[in-house]
Amino acid sequence: MKNKEQNKVVGELDPKLTLYNNEFCMECRVVREKLAELQLSYYCINVNPIKTNRHNVFKLTGQYLVPVLVDGEKVLTASDNILEYLVIHYGKQAIRPMKY
């Protein structure tokens, strides 16, 4: 049985951001929550749960891990990097994440 990726738009009809995501990934969930907190629209691409079948993620990043956020020409990996980028570029009044 072949697992099809389910894609959806969250928010506006023509979002600028694209999130490569897996619904069961906790790091992805944190990024989705930050996008919602900042009220940002994004195109959500739910990738295959089997890492080696995430060919679209590998083409973008050279690795199979999610989350991956694409903002124009900028491609970000790792939830900490994505959260920091979102707060710096889109979070006017948001609390900045702390790194320990």
Protein backbone atom coordinates (compact mmCIF):
# COMPACT_ATOMS: atom_id res chain seq x y z
CA MET A 1 0.00 0.00 0.00
CA LYS A 2 1.43 3.35 -1.04
CA ASN A 3 1.18 6.24 1.44
CA LYS A 4 0.11 9.45 -0.30
CA GLU A 5 1.18 12.77 1.11
CA GLN A 6 -1.67 15.01 2.16
CA ASN A 7 -1.12 18.69 1.46
CA LYS A 8 -3.21 21.59 2.71
CA VAL A 9 -3.20 25.35 2.98
CA VAL A 10 -3.47 26.74 6.51
CA GLY A 11 -4.74 30.33 6.49
CA GLU A 12 -4.70 32.48 3.34
CA LEU A 13 -5.18 30.92 -0.07
CA ASP A 14 -1.73 31.92 -1.36
CA PRO A 15 0.71 31.57 1.53
CA LYS A 16 4.38 32.53 1.29
CA LEU A 17 5.62 29.83 3.69
CA THR A 18 5.76 26.07 3.12
CA LEU A 19 6.15 23.60 5.99
CA TYR A 20 7.26 20.02 5.38
CA ASN A 21 5.79 18.21 8.31
CA ASN A 22 4.75 14.91 9.85
CA GLU A 23 1.63 14.98 12.03
CA PHE A 24 3.25 12.69 14.63
CA CYS A 25 6.50 14.67 14.96
CA MET A 26 6.73 16.71 18.18
CA GLU A 27 9.26 19.15 16.69
CA CYS A 28 6.84 19.75 13.80
CA ARG A 29 4.01 20.34 16.25
CA VAL A 30 6.00 23.07 18.01
CA VAL A 31 6.60 24.79 14.66
CA ARG A 32 2.90 24.51 13.70
CA GLU A 33 1.95 26.03 17.06
CA LYS A 34 4.35 28.95 16.54
CA LEU A 35 2.94 29.55 13.04
CA ALA A 36 -0.56 29.60 14.55
CA GLU A 37 0.52 31.90 17.41
CA LEU A 38 1.98 34.34 14.89
CA GLN A 39 -1.15 33.95 12.73
CA LEU A 40 0.92 33.07 9.68
CA SER A 41 -0.57 31.30 6.69
CA TYR A 42 1.42 28.44 5.24
CA TYR A 43 1.24 25.56 2.82
CA CYS A 44 1.54 22.31 4.81
CA ILE A 45 3.05 19.27 3.12
CA ASN A 46 2.60 16.15 5.24
CA VAL A 47 5.49 13.89 4.35
CA ASN A 48 5.75 10.12 4.43
CA PRO A 49 6.30 8.73 7.94
CA ILE A 50 9.11 6.55 6.57
CA LYS A 51 12.16 8.82 6.47
CA THR A 52 13.80 7.26 3.41
CA ASN A 53 10.61 7.86 1.40
CA ARG A 54 10.76 11.64 1.91
CA HIS A 55 12.31 12.31 -1.48
CA ASN A 56 11.02 15.89 -1.72
CA VAL A 57 12.61 16.76 1.65
CA PHE A 58 15.89 15.17 0.60
CA LYS A 59 15.94 17.16 -2.66
CA LEU A 60 15.54 20.40 -0.69
CA THR A 61 17.89 19.75 2.21
CA GLY A 62 20.12 16.74 1.56
CA GLN A 63 18.59 14.97 4.57
CA TYR A 64 15.29 13.25 5.42
CA LEU A 65 14.36 14.96 8.71
CA VAL A 66 11.39 17.27 9.35
CA PRO A 67 10.35 19.94 10.08
CA VAL A 68 11.57 21.93 7.10
CA LEU A 69 10.31 25.45 6.47
CA VAL A 70 10.66 27.20 3.11
CA ASP A 71 10.26 30.98 2.96
CA GLY A 72 10.94 32.10 -0.59
CA GLU A 73 14.53 31.08 -1.35
CA LYS A 74 15.32 30.41 2.33
CA VAL A 75 15.21 26.75 3.45
CA LEU A 76 15.35 26.10 7.19
CA THR A 77 15.78 22.82 9.05
CA ALA A 78 15.59 21.93 12.75
CA SER A 79 12.80 23.28 14.93
CA ASP A 80 15.09 25.60 16.97
CA ASN A 81 16.36 27.31 13.82
CA ILE A 82 12.84 27.59 12.40
CA LEU A 83 11.38 29.02 15.62
CA GLU A 84 14.15 31.60 15.91
CA TYR A 85 13.70 32.62 12.26
CA LEU A 86 9.91 32.95 12.62
CA VAL A 87 10.19 35.12 15.72
CA ILE A 88 12.89 37.36 14.23
CA HIS A 89 11.20 37.81 10.84
CA TYR A 90 7.49 37.61 11.71
CA GLY A 91 7.12 38.02 15.48
CA LYS A 92 6.59 41.67 16.25
CA GLN A 93 5.23 41.25 19.79
CA ALA A 94 5.94 37.55 20.32
CA ILE A 95 8.15 36.22 23.06
CA ARG A 96 11.49 35.13 21.65
CA PRO A 97 12.46 31.50 22.30
CA MET A 98 15.27 31.03 24.80
CA LYS A 99 18.25 28.82 24.07
CA TYR A 100 19.74 27.07 27.07
